[in-house]
Amino acid sequence: MEESKGEPLVLTTVGSTGEKYAVIDDEWRKIVKTVVDVTNGKIPVVPGTSHSGTRVALERAKYAQDIGACASSVAWLWLIFGLIFIKHQPLMFPRKKHQL
């Protein structure tokens, strides 16, 4: 494993808190392939393979493995959509008249 200032170095891309939601599947594949190709096995690459559909998440993980990524990162569904639930949770409780 490569080291940076004495610490292990792993490169991750298109993760659950980054640009993943702004790219379509073809773009996702191009990004992951580019990162794996550029690092050329010198730095371990761990792409984010999360998706709201299990089938697509598995396809992404398989693709990442096939092109040489060392692992894949998958976020649980509640992490992906948690902000939606938190945002709307107050609507489930009675509101006081002075609340907007």
N, C-alpha and C. Protein backbone atom coordinates (compact mmCIF):
# COMPACT_ATOMS: atom_id res chain seq x y z
N MET A 1 0.84 -1.18 0.00
CA MET A 1 0.00 0.00 0.00
C MET A 1 0.89 1.24 0.00
N GLU A 2 0.53 2.21 -0.81
CA GLU A 2 1.28 3.46 -0.86
C GLU A 2 1.13 4.21 0.47
N GLU A 3 2.10 5.03 0.76
CA GLU A 3 2.03 5.82 1.99
C GLU A 3 2.24 7.29 1.68
N SER A 4 1.58 8.13 2.42
CA SER A 4 1.73 9.57 2.31
C SER A 4 2.08 10.09 3.69
N LYS A 5 3.28 10.62 3.85
CA LYS A 5 3.75 11.10 5.15
C LYS A 5 3.67 10.00 6.20
N GLY A 6 3.94 8.77 5.80
CA GLY A 6 3.95 7.67 6.74
C GLY A 6 2.60 7.04 7.01
N GLU A 7 1.53 7.58 6.45
CA GLU A 7 0.19 7.04 6.66
C GLU A 7 -0.27 6.27 5.42
N PRO A 8 -1.04 5.19 5.60
CA PRO A 8 -1.56 4.46 4.44
C PRO A 8 -2.42 5.37 3.57
N LEU A 9 -2.36 5.14 2.27
CA LEU A 9 -3.09 5.97 1.32
C LEU A 9 -4.03 5.11 0.48
N VAL A 10 -5.30 5.47 0.47
CA VAL A 10 -6.31 4.82 -0.37
C VAL A 10 -7.09 5.94 -1.04
N LEU A 11 -7.39 5.78 -2.32
CA LEU A 11 -8.12 6.80 -3.05
C LEU A 11 -9.56 6.35 -3.26
N THR A 12 -10.50 7.19 -2.86
CA THR A 12 -11.91 6.88 -3.08
C THR A 12 -12.51 7.95 -3.98
N THR A 13 -13.50 7.56 -4.76
CA THR A 13 -14.15 8.48 -5.68
C THR A 13 -15.62 8.13 -5.80
N VAL A 14 -16.41 9.06 -6.26
CA VAL A 14 -17.87 8.95 -6.39
C VAL A 14 -18.51 8.27 -5.19
N GLY A 15 -18.19 8.78 -4.03
CA GLY A 15 -18.72 8.23 -2.78
C GLY A 15 -20.11 8.75 -2.45
N SER A 16 -20.63 8.34 -1.32
CA SER A 16 -22.01 8.67 -0.95
C SER A 16 -22.20 10.12 -0.53
N THR A 17 -21.13 10.84 -0.21
CA THR A 17 -21.28 12.24 0.19
C THR A 17 -20.66 13.19 -0.82
N GLY A 18 -20.30 12.67 -1.99
CA GLY A 18 -19.65 13.51 -2.99
C GLY A 18 -20.49 13.70 -4.24
N GLU A 19 -19.83 13.58 -5.37
CA GLU A 19 -20.45 13.86 -6.66
C GLU A 19 -21.33 12.74 -7.19
N LYS A 20 -21.45 11.66 -6.48
CA LYS A 20 -22.19 10.49 -6.94
C LYS A 20 -23.59 10.82 -7.44
N TYR A 21 -24.29 11.71 -6.77
CA TYR A 21 -25.68 11.99 -7.13
C TYR A 21 -25.81 12.91 -8.34
N ALA A 22 -24.70 13.47 -8.80
CA ALA A 22 -24.73 14.38 -9.94
C ALA A 22 -24.35 13.70 -11.25
N VAL A 23 -24.04 12.41 -11.22
CA VAL A 23 -23.59 11.72 -12.43
C VAL A 23 -24.52 10.57 -12.79
N ILE A 24 -24.68 10.35 -14.10
CA ILE A 24 -25.44 9.20 -14.58
C ILE A 24 -24.51 7.99 -14.60
N ASP A 25 -25.07 6.80 -14.86
CA ASP A 25 -24.29 5.57 -14.75
C ASP A 25 -23.09 5.55 -15.69
N ASP A 26 -23.25 6.01 -16.93
CA ASP A 26 -22.12 6.02 -17.86
C ASP A 26 -21.00 6.92 -17.36
N GLU A 27 -21.37 8.07 -16.80
CA GLU A 27 -20.36 8.98 -16.24
C GLU A 27 -19.68 8.34 -15.03
N TRP A 28 -20.46 7.65 -14.20
CA TRP A 28 -19.89 6.97 -13.04
C TRP A 28 -18.81 5.99 -13.49
N ARG A 29 -19.13 5.19 -14.51
CA ARG A 29 -18.17 4.20 -15.02
C ARG A 29 -16.91 4.88 -15.56
N LYS A 30 -17.07 5.99 -16.28
CA LYS A 30 -15.91 6.70 -16.83
C LYS A 30 -15.03 7.26 -15.72
N ILE A 31 -15.65 7.81 -14.69
CA ILE A 31 -14.88 8.37 -13.56
C ILE A 31 -14.08 7.27 -12.88
N VAL A 32 -14.75 6.17 -12.55
CA VAL A 32 -14.07 5.07 -11.84
C VAL A 32 -12.96 4.49 -12.71
N LYS A 33 -13.23 4.26 -13.98
CA LYS A 33 -12.22 3.71 -14.89
C LYS A 33 -11.02 4.64 -15.00
N THR A 34 -11.27 5.94 -15.12
CA THR A 34 -10.18 6.91 -15.22
C THR A 34 -9.30 6.88 -13.98
N VAL A 35 -9.92 6.86 -12.81
CA VAL A 35 -9.14 6.85 -11.56
C VAL A 35 -8.32 5.57 -11.45
N VAL A 36 -8.91 4.43 -11.76
CA VAL A 36 -8.18 3.16 -11.71
C VAL A 36 -7.03 3.17 -12.71
N ASP A 37 -7.28 3.66 -13.93
CA ASP A 37 -6.23 3.70 -14.95
C ASP A 37 -5.09 4.63 -14.57
N VAL A 38 -5.42 5.81 -14.07
CA VAL A 38 -4.39 6.80 -13.72
C VAL A 38 -3.53 6.32 -12.55
N THR A 39 -4.14 5.69 -11.57
CA THR A 39 -3.36 5.20 -10.42
C THR A 39 -2.53 3.98 -10.79
N ASN A 40 -2.96 3.25 -11.81
CA ASN A 40 -2.17 2.15 -12.38
C ASN A 40 -1.69 1.14 -11.34
N GLY A 41 -2.53 0.86 -10.35
CA GLY A 41 -2.18 -0.12 -9.33
C GLY A 41 -1.23 0.39 -8.26
N LYS A 42 -0.80 1.64 -8.36
CA LYS A 42 0.15 2.20 -7.38
C LYS A 42 -0.55 2.66 -6.10
N ILE A 43 -1.82 3.02 -6.22
CA ILE A 43 -2.62 3.45 -5.07
C ILE A 43 -3.92 2.65 -5.10
N PRO A 44 -4.31 2.03 -4.00
CA PRO A 44 -5.58 1.30 -3.97
C PRO A 44 -6.76 2.25 -4.20
N VAL A 45 -7.68 1.85 -5.07
CA VAL A 45 -8.85 2.66 -5.39
C VAL A 45 -10.10 1.97 -4.83
N VAL A 46 -10.92 2.75 -4.12
CA VAL A 46 -12.17 2.26 -3.54
C VAL A 46 -13.30 3.18 -4.00
N PRO A 47 -13.95 2.85 -5.12
CA PRO A 47 -15.05 3.70 -5.59
C PRO A 47 -16.33 3.44 -4.80
N GLY A 48 -17.15 4.47 -4.70
CA GLY A 48 -18.47 4.31 -4.11
C GLY A 48 -19.39 3.63 -5.10
N THR A 49 -20.04 2.56 -4.67
CA THR A 49 -20.93 1.81 -5.57
C THR A 49 -22.38 1.84 -5.10
N SER A 50 -22.70 2.74 -4.19
CA SER A 50 -24.05 2.83 -3.65
C SER A 50 -25.07 3.18 -4.72
N HIS A 51 -26.26 2.67 -4.55
CA HIS A 51 -27.38 3.00 -5.43
C HIS A 51 -28.66 2.65 -4.68
N SER A 52 -29.75 3.29 -5.05
CA SER A 52 -31.02 2.98 -4.38
C SER A 52 -31.54 1.61 -4.77
N GLY A 53 -31.04 1.05 -5.86
CA GLY A 53 -31.41 -0.30 -6.29
C GLY A 53 -30.28 -1.28 -6.02
N THR A 54 -30.60 -2.40 -5.40
CA THR A 54 -29.59 -3.40 -5.06
C THR A 54 -28.90 -3.95 -6.31
N ARG A 55 -29.67 -4.21 -7.37
CA ARG A 55 -29.10 -4.77 -8.60
C ARG A 55 -28.02 -3.85 -9.16
N VAL A 56 -28.31 -2.55 -9.24
CA VAL A 56 -27.34 -1.60 -9.78
C VAL A 56 -26.12 -1.51 -8.87
N ALA A 57 -26.32 -1.50 -7.56
CA ALA A 57 -25.19 -1.46 -6.63
C ALA A 57 -24.28 -2.67 -6.83
N LEU A 58 -24.87 -3.85 -7.01
CA LEU A 58 -24.08 -5.05 -7.26
C LEU A 58 -23.36 -4.99 -8.60
N GLU A 59 -24.04 -4.48 -9.63
CA GLU A 59 -23.40 -4.33 -10.95
C GLU A 59 -22.21 -3.38 -10.87
N ARG A 60 -22.37 -2.30 -10.12
CA ARG A 60 -21.28 -1.34 -9.96
C ARG A 60 -20.10 -1.97 -9.21
N ALA A 61 -20.39 -2.72 -8.17
CA ALA A 61 -19.32 -3.38 -7.41
C ALA A 61 -18.58 -4.38 -8.29
N LYS A 62 -19.31 -5.13 -9.09
CA LYS A 62 -18.69 -6.11 -10.01
C LYS A 62 -17.84 -5.39 -11.05
N TYR A 63 -18.35 -4.29 -11.60
CA TYR A 63 -17.58 -3.50 -12.58
C TYR A 63 -16.29 -2.99 -11.95
N ALA A 64 -16.39 -2.44 -10.75
CA ALA A 64 -15.21 -1.92 -10.06
C ALA A 64 -14.17 -3.02 -9.86
N GLN A 65 -14.62 -4.19 -9.47
CA GLN A 65 -13.71 -5.32 -9.28
C GLN A 65 -13.07 -5.71 -10.61
N ASP A 66 -13.87 -5.77 -11.67
CA ASP A 66 -13.37 -6.20 -12.98
C ASP A 66 -12.30 -5.27 -13.55
N ILE A 67 -12.39 -3.98 -13.26
CA ILE A 67 -11.41 -3.04 -13.83
C ILE A 67 -10.21 -2.81 -12.91
N GLY A 68 -10.21 -3.42 -11.72
CA GLY A 68 -9.02 -3.36 -10.88
C GLY A 68 -9.11 -2.57 -9.59
N ALA A 69 -10.31 -2.13 -9.21
CA ALA A 69 -10.46 -1.47 -7.91
C ALA A 69 -10.21 -2.50 -6.81
N CYS A 70 -9.66 -2.06 -5.68
CA CYS A 70 -9.32 -3.03 -4.62
C CYS A 70 -10.51 -3.36 -3.74
N ALA A 71 -11.54 -2.51 -3.75
CA ALA A 71 -12.74 -2.73 -2.94
C ALA A 71 -13.81 -1.77 -3.45
N SER A 72 -14.97 -1.80 -2.84
CA SER A 72 -16.00 -0.81 -3.15
C SER A 72 -16.64 -0.36 -1.84
N SER A 73 -17.20 0.82 -1.89
CA SER A 73 -17.83 1.41 -0.70
C SER A 73 -19.32 1.54 -0.94
N VAL A 74 -20.12 1.00 -0.02
CA VAL A 74 -21.57 1.04 -0.16
C VAL A 74 -22.17 1.67 1.10
N ALA A 75 -23.01 2.69 0.90
CA ALA A 75 -23.70 3.33 2.03
C ALA A 75 -25.08 2.70 2.19
N TRP A 76 -25.50 2.54 3.42
CA TRP A 76 -26.83 2.02 3.67
C TRP A 76 -27.87 2.99 3.17
N LEU A 77 -29.02 2.46 2.80
CA LEU A 77 -30.09 3.29 2.26
C LEU A 77 -30.50 4.40 3.21
N TRP A 78 -30.52 4.11 4.52
CA TRP A 78 -30.94 5.16 5.46
C TRP A 78 -29.94 6.30 5.49
N LEU A 79 -28.68 6.04 5.17
CA LEU A 79 -27.71 7.14 5.09
C LEU A 79 -27.96 8.00 3.87
N ILE A 80 -28.34 7.37 2.78
CA ILE A 80 -28.58 8.09 1.54
C ILE A 80 -29.81 8.98 1.66
N PHE A 81 -30.89 8.44 2.20
CA PHE A 81 -32.14 9.17 2.26
C PHE A 81 -32.47 9.73 3.64
N GLY A 82 -31.56 9.61 4.58
CA GLY A 82 -31.80 10.05 5.95
C GLY A 82 -32.21 11.49 6.08
N LEU A 83 -31.61 12.37 5.29
CA LEU A 83 -31.94 13.79 5.40
C LEU A 83 -33.38 14.06 5.01
N ILE A 84 -33.91 13.29 4.07
CA ILE A 84 -35.32 13.47 3.69
C ILE A 84 -36.21 13.14 4.87
N PHE A 85 -35.94 12.03 5.55
CA PHE A 85 -36.76 11.63 6.69
C PHE A 85 -36.63 12.63 7.84
N ILE A 86 -35.41 13.06 8.10
CA ILE A 86 -35.19 14.03 9.18
C ILE A 86 -35.89 15.34 8.87
N LYS A 87 -35.81 15.78 7.63
CA LYS A 87 -36.41 17.04 7.23
C LYS A 87 -37.93 17.02 7.45
N HIS A 88 -38.57 15.91 7.14
CA HIS A 88 -40.03 15.85 7.21
C HIS A 88 -40.56 15.30 8.53
N GLN A 89 -39.70 14.85 9.39
CA GLN A 89 -40.14 14.28 10.66
C GLN A 89 -41.01 15.23 11.48
N PRO A 90 -40.68 16.53 11.58
CA PRO A 90 -41.53 17.42 12.38
C PRO A 90 -42.98 17.47 11.90
N LEU A 91 -43.22 17.15 10.65
CA LEU A 91 -44.59 17.18 10.12
C LEU A 91 -45.46 16.09 10.73
N MET A 92 -44.84 15.09 11.33
CA MET A 92 -45.60 13.99 11.91
C MET A 92 -46.12 14.33 13.31
N PHE A 93 -45.64 15.40 13.89
CA PHE A 93 -46.04 15.77 15.24
C PHE A 93 -46.92 17.01 15.21
N PRO A 94 -47.86 17.12 16.15
CA PRO A 94 -48.70 18.33 16.19
C PRO A 94 -47.84 19.57 16.37
N ARG A 95 -48.21 20.63 15.69
CA ARG A 95 -47.46 21.88 15.79
C ARG A 95 -48.22 22.87 16.65
N LYS A 96 -47.46 23.69 17.33
CA LYS A 96 -48.06 24.77 18.09
C LYS A 96 -48.48 25.86 17.10
N LYS A 97 -49.44 26.65 17.48
CA LYS A 97 -49.97 27.67 16.57
C LYS A 97 -48.92 28.68 16.14
N HIS A 98 -47.97 28.98 17.00
CA HIS A 98 -46.98 30.00 16.67
C HIS A 98 -45.85 29.48 15.78
N GLN A 99 -45.78 28.16 15.54
CA GLN A 99 -44.74 27.62 14.67
C GLN A 99 -45.15 27.77 13.21
N LEU A 100 -44.17 28.04 12.38
CA LEU A 100 -44.43 28.16 10.94
C LEU A 100 -44.34 26.82 10.27
